Amino acid sequence: MPFVIDASIVHDWALEEHHPVALAVRERLRDDTAITPSLWWFEVRNGLIVAERRGQSAEHLTAAFLQRLSRFSVTIDSLPSDDKAMTLARRHRLTVYDAAYLELALRERLELATLDAALADAARREGVVVIGDPA
């Protein structure tokens, strides 16, 4: 069953932080597909550049990681519902970026993979299943 993935999961992989949820999501992507808002492309790469600037990574590692990432089945979604994303951002005091992930999960009725505590909390309050939550 497809699910929504946010950039926090991918940043964990890139920096090899080994969060159990991020590892489970990576394993799940071996046989499953993820969907994500178009901003994901930018967020992932921005996180990688920031890691380089902080000395946590290097250009050649970023390039190798992006090559590996391209092998996963991740579909980029079209633009979210403007009204719904803005409403979610206001209701849960989220960035519009995070609200876009939540809007997509709600619109497509999919689980959400995130390590962002505020986004996960908002998702739960909206009735979205957050991957890694205890059943």
C-alpha atoms as a PDB file:
ATOM      1  CA  MET A   1       0.000   0.000   0.000  1.00  0.00           C
ATOM      2  CA  PRO A   2       1.521   3.349  -0.987  1.00  0.00           C
ATOM      3  CA  PHE A   3       2.287   5.932   1.681  1.00  0.00           C
ATOM      4  CA  VAL A   4       3.372   9.571   1.933  1.00  0.00           C
ATOM      5  CA  ILE A   5       7.035  10.174   2.729  1.00  0.00           C
ATOM      6  CA  ASP A   6       8.550  13.428   3.950  1.00  0.00           C
ATOM      7  CA  ALA A   7      12.096  14.744   3.751  1.00  0.00           C
ATOM      8  CA  SER A   8      12.938  14.009   7.410  1.00  0.00           C
ATOM      9  CA  ILE A   9      12.964  10.280   6.654  1.00  0.00           C
ATOM     10  CA  VAL A  10      15.363  10.748   3.742  1.00  0.00           C
ATOM     11  CA  HIS A  11      17.653  13.034   5.742  1.00  0.00           C
ATOM     12  CA  ASP A  12      17.961  10.290   8.354  1.00  0.00           C
ATOM     13  CA  TRP A  13      19.081   7.870   5.634  1.00  0.00           C
ATOM     14  CA  ALA A  14      21.567  10.336   4.174  1.00  0.00           C
ATOM     15  CA  LEU A  15      23.178  11.092   7.516  1.00  0.00           C
ATOM     16  CA  GLU A  16      22.987   7.451   8.604  1.00  0.00           C
ATOM     17  CA  GLU A  17      21.273   8.332  11.854  1.00  0.00           C
ATOM     18  CA  HIS A  18      19.490   4.955  11.915  1.00  0.00           C
ATOM     19  CA  HIS A  19      16.165   6.030  13.426  1.00  0.00           C
ATOM     20  CA  PRO A  20      14.044   2.855  13.670  1.00  0.00           C
ATOM     21  CA  VAL A  21      11.123   4.397  11.777  1.00  0.00           C
ATOM     22  CA  ALA A  22      13.380   5.635   8.964  1.00  0.00           C
ATOM     23  CA  LEU A  23      14.961   2.198   8.693  1.00  0.00           C
ATOM     24  CA  ALA A  24      11.535   0.531   8.583  1.00  0.00           C
ATOM     25  CA  VAL A  25      10.386   2.928   5.861  1.00  0.00           C
ATOM     26  CA  ARG A  26      13.492   2.217   3.781  1.00  0.00           C
ATOM     27  CA  GLU A  27      12.832  -1.502   4.115  1.00  0.00           C
ATOM     28  CA  ARG A  28       9.185  -1.019   3.179  1.00  0.00           C
ATOM     29  CA  LEU A  29      10.203   0.847   0.011  1.00  0.00           C
ATOM     30  CA  ARG A  30      11.902  -2.295  -1.252  1.00  0.00           C
ATOM     31  CA  ASP A  31       8.438  -3.652  -2.136  1.00  0.00           C
ATOM     32  CA  ASP A  32       6.169  -0.626  -1.859  1.00  0.00           C
ATOM     33  CA  THR A  33       5.807   2.854  -3.319  1.00  0.00           C
ATOM     34  CA  ALA A  34       5.729   6.293  -1.768  1.00  0.00           C
ATOM     35  CA  ILE A  35       4.169   9.527  -2.905  1.00  0.00           C
ATOM     36  CA  THR A  36       5.291  12.983  -1.922  1.00  0.00           C
ATOM     37  CA  PRO A  37       4.564  16.629  -2.703  1.00  0.00           C
ATOM     38  CA  SER A  38       6.790  18.306  -5.283  1.00  0.00           C
ATOM     39  CA  LEU A  39       8.517  20.330  -2.557  1.00  0.00           C
ATOM     40  CA  TRP A  40      10.147  17.096  -1.352  1.00  0.00           C
ATOM     41  CA  TRP A  41      12.699  17.297  -4.180  1.00  0.00           C
ATOM     42  CA  PHE A  42      13.860  20.688  -2.902  1.00  0.00           C
ATOM     43  CA  GLU A  43      13.689  19.818   0.800  1.00  0.00           C
ATOM     44  CA  VAL A  44      15.783  16.687   0.363  1.00  0.00           C
ATOM     45  CA  ARG A  45      18.471  18.508  -1.571  1.00  0.00           C
ATOM     46  CA  ASN A  46      18.476  21.494   0.743  1.00  0.00           C
ATOM     47  CA  GLY A  47      19.003  19.186   3.716  1.00  0.00           C
ATOM     48  CA  LEU A  48      21.923  17.574   1.926  1.00  0.00           C
ATOM     49  CA  ILE A  49      23.534  20.942   1.155  1.00  0.00           C
ATOM     50  CA  VAL A  50      23.093  22.030   4.777  1.00  0.00           C
ATOM     51  CA  ALA A  51      24.737  18.776   5.906  1.00  0.00           C
ATOM     52  CA  GLU A  52      27.679  19.490   3.601  1.00  0.00           C
ATOM     53  CA  ARG A  53      28.046  23.019   4.984  1.00  0.00           C
ATOM     54  CA  ARG A  54      28.009  21.681   8.544  1.00  0.00           C
ATOM     55  CA  GLY A  55      30.713  19.152   7.715  1.00  0.00           C
ATOM     56  CA  GLN A  56      28.335  16.212   8.167  1.00  0.00           C
ATOM     57  CA  SER A  57      28.683  15.137   4.546  1.00  0.00           C
ATOM     58  CA  ALA A  58      30.637  15.884   1.385  1.00  0.00           C
ATOM     59  CA  GLU A  59      29.742  16.578  -2.226  1.00  0.00           C
ATOM     60  CA  HIS A  60      30.692  13.094  -3.446  1.00  0.00           C
ATOM     61  CA  LEU A  61      28.613  11.496  -0.672  1.00  0.00           C
ATOM     62  CA  THR A  62      25.632  13.658  -1.597  1.00  0.00           C
ATOM     63  CA  ALA A  63      25.924  12.636  -5.242  1.00  0.00           C
ATOM     64  CA  ALA A  64      26.166   8.948  -4.331  1.00  0.00           C
ATOM     65  CA  PHE A  65      23.210   9.225  -1.965  1.00  0.00           C
ATOM     66  CA  LEU A  66      21.022  10.927  -4.580  1.00  0.00           C
ATOM     67  CA  GLN A  67      21.902   8.157  -7.029  1.00  0.00           C
ATOM     68  CA  ARG A  68      20.788   5.525  -4.492  1.00  0.00           C
ATOM     69  CA  LEU A  69      17.664   7.513  -3.656  1.00  0.00           C
ATOM     70  CA  SER A  70      16.634   7.588  -7.328  1.00  0.00           C
ATOM     71  CA  ARG A  71      16.260   3.800  -7.245  1.00  0.00           C
ATOM     72  CA  PHE A  72      13.354   3.972  -4.796  1.00  0.00           C
ATOM     73  CA  SER A  73       9.813   4.121  -6.087  1.00  0.00           C
ATOM     74  CA  VAL A  74       8.800   7.640  -5.050  1.00  0.00           C
ATOM     75  CA  THR A  75       6.186   9.492  -7.082  1.00  0.00           C
ATOM     76  CA  ILE A  76       6.013  13.269  -7.049  1.00  0.00           C
ATOM     77  CA  ASP A  77       2.446  14.527  -6.640  1.00  0.00           C
ATOM     78  CA  SER A  78       0.967  17.579  -8.258  1.00  0.00           C
ATOM     79  CA  LEU A  79       0.102  20.728  -6.341  1.00  0.00           C
ATOM     80  CA  PRO A  80      -1.925  20.273  -3.158  1.00  0.00           C
ATOM     81  CA  SER A  81      -5.303  21.801  -2.510  1.00  0.00           C
ATOM     82  CA  ASP A  82      -4.427  25.403  -1.692  1.00  0.00           C
ATOM     83  CA  ASP A  83      -7.327  25.912   0.707  1.00  0.00           C
ATOM     84  CA  LYS A  84      -6.800  22.626   2.527  1.00  0.00           C
ATOM     85  CA  ALA A  85      -3.033  23.072   2.943  1.00  0.00           C
ATOM     86  CA  MET A  86      -3.480  26.588   4.292  1.00  0.00           C
ATOM     87  CA  THR A  87      -6.245  25.447   6.639  1.00  0.00           C
ATOM     88  CA  LEU A  88      -4.064  22.627   7.980  1.00  0.00           C
ATOM     89  CA  ALA A  89      -1.103  24.976   8.438  1.00  0.00           C
ATOM     90  CA  ARG A  90      -3.244  27.378  10.427  1.00  0.00           C
ATOM     91  CA  ARG A  91      -5.105  24.746  12.442  1.00  0.00           C
ATOM     92  CA  HIS A  92      -1.966  22.900  13.544  1.00  0.00           C
ATOM     93  CA  ARG A  93       0.554  25.761  13.419  1.00  0.00           C
ATOM     94  CA  LEU A  94       2.568  23.898  10.763  1.00  0.00           C
ATOM     95  CA  THR A  95       4.741  25.300   8.047  1.00  0.00           C
ATOM     96  CA  VAL A  96       3.001  25.238   4.694  1.00  0.00           C
ATOM     97  CA  TYR A  97       5.658  22.714   3.671  1.00  0.00           C
ATOM     98  CA  ASP A  98       4.611  20.281   6.389  1.00  0.00           C
ATOM     99  CA  ALA A  99       0.936  20.981   5.739  1.00  0.00           C
ATOM    100  CA  ALA A 100       1.501  19.876   2.117  1.00  0.00           C
ATOM    101  CA  TYR A 101       2.574  16.410   3.305  1.00  0.00           C
ATOM    102  CA  LEU A 102      -0.452  16.191   5.583  1.00  0.00           C
ATOM    103  CA  GLU A 103      -2.816  17.440   2.879  1.00  0.00           C
ATOM    104  CA  LEU A 104      -1.519  14.747   0.523  1.00  0.00           C
ATOM    105  CA  ALA A 105      -1.949  12.000   3.123  1.00  0.00           C
ATOM    106  CA  LEU A 106      -5.500  13.160   3.805  1.00  0.00           C
ATOM    107  CA  ARG A 107      -6.417  13.592   0.139  1.00  0.00           C
ATOM    108  CA  GLU A 108      -5.091  10.176  -0.863  1.00  0.00           C
ATOM    109  CA  ARG A 109      -6.059   8.468   2.427  1.00  0.00           C
ATOM    110  CA  LEU A 110      -2.528   7.203   2.953  1.00  0.00           C
ATOM    111  CA  GLU A 111      -0.231   6.638   5.908  1.00  0.00           C
ATOM    112  CA  LEU A 112       2.471   9.216   6.587  1.00  0.00           C
ATOM    113  CA  ALA A 113       6.170   8.523   7.154  1.00  0.00           C
ATOM    114  CA  THR A 114       7.816  11.362   9.073  1.00  0.00           C
ATOM    115  CA  LEU A 115      10.252  11.979  11.899  1.00  0.00           C
ATOM    116  CA  ASP A 116       8.889  15.499  12.419  1.00  0.00           C
ATOM    117  CA  ALA A 117       7.099  15.473  15.786  1.00  0.00           C
ATOM    118  CA  ALA A 118       4.807  18.430  15.046  1.00  0.00           C
ATOM    119  CA  LEU A 119       3.764  16.983  11.689  1.00  0.00           C
ATOM    120  CA  ALA A 120       3.194  13.543  13.197  1.00  0.00           C
ATOM    121  CA  ASP A 121       1.076  15.044  15.972  1.00  0.00           C
ATOM    122  CA  ALA A 122      -1.018  17.037  13.498  1.00  0.00           C
ATOM    123  CA  ALA A 123      -1.462  13.932  11.350  1.00  0.00           C
ATOM    124  CA  ARG A 124      -2.719  11.920  14.310  1.00  0.00           C
ATOM    125  CA  ARG A 125      -5.185  14.694  15.186  1.00  0.00           C
ATOM    126  CA  GLU A 126      -6.452  14.573  11.592  1.00  0.00           C
ATOM    127  CA  GLY A 127      -6.878  10.790  11.743  1.00  0.00           C
ATOM    128  CA  VAL A 128      -3.873   9.971   9.544  1.00  0.00           C
ATOM    129  CA  VAL A 129      -1.908   6.854  10.471  1.00  0.00           C
ATOM    130  CA  VAL A 130       1.716   7.726  11.167  1.00  0.00           C
ATOM    131  CA  ILE A 131       4.120   4.950  10.256  1.00  0.00           C
ATOM    132  CA  GLY A 132       5.929   3.711  13.343  1.00  0.00           C
ATOM    133  CA  ASP A 133       3.195   4.617  15.805  1.00  0.00           C
ATOM    134  CA  PRO A 134       2.301   1.786  18.161  1.00  0.00           C
ATOM    135  CA  ALA A 135      -0.877   0.060  17.046  1.00  0.00           C
END
